Amino acid sequence: MKRWGWMLAIALGIAHGGWSADKSYEDRLLLQLELTAVTAAQEEAFREALKDYHAARNGSVRRVSRQGGDIPTRVARDLRRLARRTLNEMGEFLEPDQLEHVEKYLELANEQYMTQAGLR
C-alpha cells in the first residue's frame, strides 16, 4: 500500500482541481483506484495516462466556453470524450477487469468536476 500512497495523493490532488472535494466523492474515487490494482509494470503508464486525463479535464470549461453554446451540455460531452480517449489509451496496458474500475473512476471524476464547477 505504501507505493500507492504517493499515486493516490497526486490523483486526488489533481481530481479536486483546486476545490475542496466532497468527502463521498473522495472516498469513492480512492476505492476505485484501489480496486484497479495496478501492477508495478503498469504503474508508470497508468500514472501518465491519469495525469493527462486530469490536465485535459481541468481545462474543459475554458476550452468549451470559448466556443459558446450551452456550456453544461458541451462540457459534459467534452468530459465523456476525454474519458473514452483515456479508456482506449489505458486499454493497451490494463486488463479488462482493471478497466471496469478505471471507467467507474472516470465517471465519478467527471461527475465531481461538473458538480464542483456548478454545472449540475
Protein backbone atom coordinates (compact mmCIF):
# COMPACT_ATOMS: atom_id res chain seq x y z
CA MET A 1 0.00 0.00 0.00
CA LYS A 2 2.97 2.32 0.54
CA ARG A 3 3.74 2.64 -3.15
CA TRP A 4 0.12 3.66 -3.76
CA GLY A 5 0.27 6.48 -1.22
CA TRP A 6 2.02 8.97 -3.47
CA MET A 7 -0.03 7.97 -6.53
CA LEU A 8 -3.32 8.34 -4.68
CA ALA A 9 -2.28 11.68 -3.22
CA ILE A 10 -1.36 13.02 -6.68
CA ALA A 11 -4.51 11.63 -8.32
CA LEU A 12 -6.80 13.07 -5.67
CA GLY A 13 -4.98 16.40 -5.71
CA ILE A 14 -5.44 16.60 -9.45
CA ALA A 15 -9.02 15.28 -9.27
CA HIS A 16 -10.03 18.01 -6.87
CA GLY A 17 -9.00 20.65 -9.37
CA GLY A 18 -8.19 23.13 -6.61
CA TRP A 19 -11.58 22.85 -4.89
CA SER A 20 -12.22 21.16 -1.59
CA ALA A 21 -13.80 17.88 -2.58
CA ASP A 22 -16.90 16.34 -1.16
CA LYS A 23 -15.81 13.51 1.15
CA SER A 24 -18.08 10.96 -0.53
CA TYR A 25 -16.50 11.64 -3.94
CA GLU A 26 -13.04 11.38 -2.43
CA ASP A 27 -13.84 8.04 -0.80
CA ARG A 28 -15.42 6.62 -3.94
CA LEU A 29 -12.54 7.79 -6.14
CA LEU A 30 -10.00 6.26 -3.76
CA LEU A 31 -11.91 2.99 -3.70
CA GLN A 32 -11.93 2.72 -7.49
CA LEU A 33 -8.19 3.43 -7.67
CA GLU A 34 -7.50 0.77 -5.05
CA LEU A 35 -9.74 -1.76 -6.82
CA THR A 36 -7.89 -1.15 -10.08
CA ALA A 37 -4.83 -2.84 -8.50
CA VAL A 38 -2.24 -1.54 -10.95
CA THR A 39 0.86 -3.73 -11.10
CA ALA A 40 4.41 -2.40 -10.95
CA ALA A 41 4.79 -2.93 -14.70
CA GLN A 42 1.67 -0.85 -15.41
CA GLU A 43 2.32 1.86 -12.86
CA GLU A 44 4.24 4.40 -14.96
CA ALA A 45 1.89 4.24 -17.96
CA PHE A 46 -1.15 4.39 -15.67
CA ARG A 47 0.14 7.44 -13.84
CA GLU A 48 0.93 9.27 -17.10
CA ALA A 49 -2.47 8.48 -18.64
CA LEU A 50 -4.28 9.60 -15.48
CA LYS A 51 -2.21 12.79 -15.32
CA ASP A 52 -3.01 13.58 -18.97
CA TYR A 53 -6.72 12.96 -18.36
CA HIS A 54 -6.84 15.31 -15.37
CA ALA A 55 -4.89 18.02 -17.18
CA ALA A 56 -7.29 17.91 -20.13
CA ARG A 57 -10.37 17.66 -17.89
CA ASN A 58 -9.39 20.66 -15.79
CA GLY A 59 -9.24 22.84 -18.91
CA SER A 60 -12.61 21.68 -20.22
CA VAL A 61 -14.72 24.69 -19.15
CA ARG A 62 -12.13 27.10 -20.53
CA ARG A 63 -11.97 25.30 -23.89
CA VAL A 64 -15.73 24.95 -24.26
CA SER A 65 -16.59 28.48 -23.11
CA ARG A 66 -14.54 29.93 -25.96
CA GLN A 67 -16.85 28.26 -28.46
CA GLY A 68 -20.15 29.34 -26.95
CA GLY A 69 -23.36 27.37 -26.79
CA ASP A 70 -24.88 25.51 -23.86
CA ILE A 71 -21.87 25.27 -21.55
CA PRO A 72 -23.07 22.44 -19.24
CA THR A 73 -24.04 20.22 -22.18
CA ARG A 74 -20.85 20.91 -24.07
CA VAL A 75 -18.63 20.36 -21.01
CA ALA A 76 -20.39 17.05 -20.26
CA ARG A 77 -19.82 15.97 -23.87
CA ASP A 78 -16.17 17.02 -23.69
CA LEU A 79 -15.68 15.07 -20.45
CA ARG A 80 -17.25 11.94 -21.94
CA ARG A 81 -14.91 12.25 -24.94
CA LEU A 82 -11.90 12.60 -22.65
CA ALA A 83 -12.97 9.57 -20.60
CA ARG A 84 -13.37 7.43 -23.75
CA ARG A 85 -9.97 8.52 -25.03
CA THR A 86 -8.36 7.74 -21.67
CA LEU A 87 -10.01 4.30 -21.51
CA ASN A 88 -8.80 3.48 -25.02
CA GLU A 89 -5.30 4.59 -24.08
CA MET A 90 -5.33 2.55 -20.87
CA GLY A 91 -6.76 -0.46 -22.71
CA GLU A 92 -3.30 -1.01 -24.17
CA PHE A 93 -1.77 -1.90 -20.80
CA LEU A 94 -4.62 -2.69 -18.36
CA GLU A 95 -6.64 -5.89 -18.07
CA PRO A 96 -10.42 -5.79 -18.74
CA ASP A 97 -11.30 -6.13 -15.04
CA GLN A 98 -8.99 -3.21 -14.25
CA LEU A 99 -10.60 -1.13 -17.00
CA GLU A 100 -14.00 -1.56 -15.36
CA HIS A 101 -12.71 0.17 -12.23
CA VAL A 102 -10.97 2.88 -14.24
CA GLU A 103 -14.20 3.51 -16.14
CA LYS A 104 -16.08 3.94 -12.86
CA TYR A 105 -13.29 6.22 -11.58
CA LEU A 106 -13.57 8.42 -14.69
CA GLU A 107 -17.37 8.61 -14.38
CA LEU A 108 -17.06 9.68 -10.74
CA ALA A 109 -14.29 12.18 -11.52
CA ASN A 110 -16.39 13.73 -14.31
CA GLU A 111 -19.45 13.90 -12.07
CA GLN A 112 -17.38 15.52 -9.31
CA TYR A 113 -15.94 18.06 -11.75
CA MET A 114 -19.37 19.02 -13.11
CA THR A 115 -20.79 19.39 -9.58
CA GLN A 116 -17.92 21.46 -8.27
CA ALA A 117 -17.91 23.67 -11.36
CA GLY A 118 -21.60 24.41 -10.73
CA LEU A 119 -22.68 22.80 -13.98
CA ARG A 120 -25.01 20.25 -12.34
